[in-house]
């Protein structure tokens, strides 16, 4: 099992990225919470990883902090929650915000995430209750890396990222149009769009 990768960022196109580790390109999917902290392409980066083995593929997921990876792994144990929904949860809220949502039993917030209906939201809250305290414990040395510069075509990249997170094209367009400053970098556009989605 690959638990950690350290190399240079070769490409990033939310939610996918490529990490060059000693001349080998590792393709990973990552939540937007990790993308917000990535450096520029070509810069060194270290990511915690988790591999999901399916019948048709082995998919590697990358995380800027170990707390994000621990939450991702805990979510995968919840009935009805797969990697895509888990990435959507981590993209729409920080680990702390999600844990507060569980403590507050805020079903409405969870159902705003693509792929999560009321029954799944209720299951997540019930099954994650016991994990809140464990996941709240910080792990030293797992801070995110510094923020990175804006890539080209931020609007189109943000649109593609929202589609990859499960939003339908009309909804993705609506969320992006609601962003007050369309000249923002890709990750900031996505951040504002996801905040708008969370508010309903």
Foldseek 3Di string as FASTA:
>chain_A
DQFKAKAFWAADQAQWTWGQGPNDTDIAGEALVQQQQDADGGHIAMWTWDWDDDPVDIHIHTHLFVLLVVQQVLQCPQPQDDNLLSSQVVNLDPSVVVLVCLVVLVLLLSCLQARDDSVSSNSCSVSCVVVSVVSPDDDPPRDGHHGYDADPPLLVSLLVNVVSSHDDNVLSVVLLVPDPDNVDGNSVSNNSSSVVSSVD
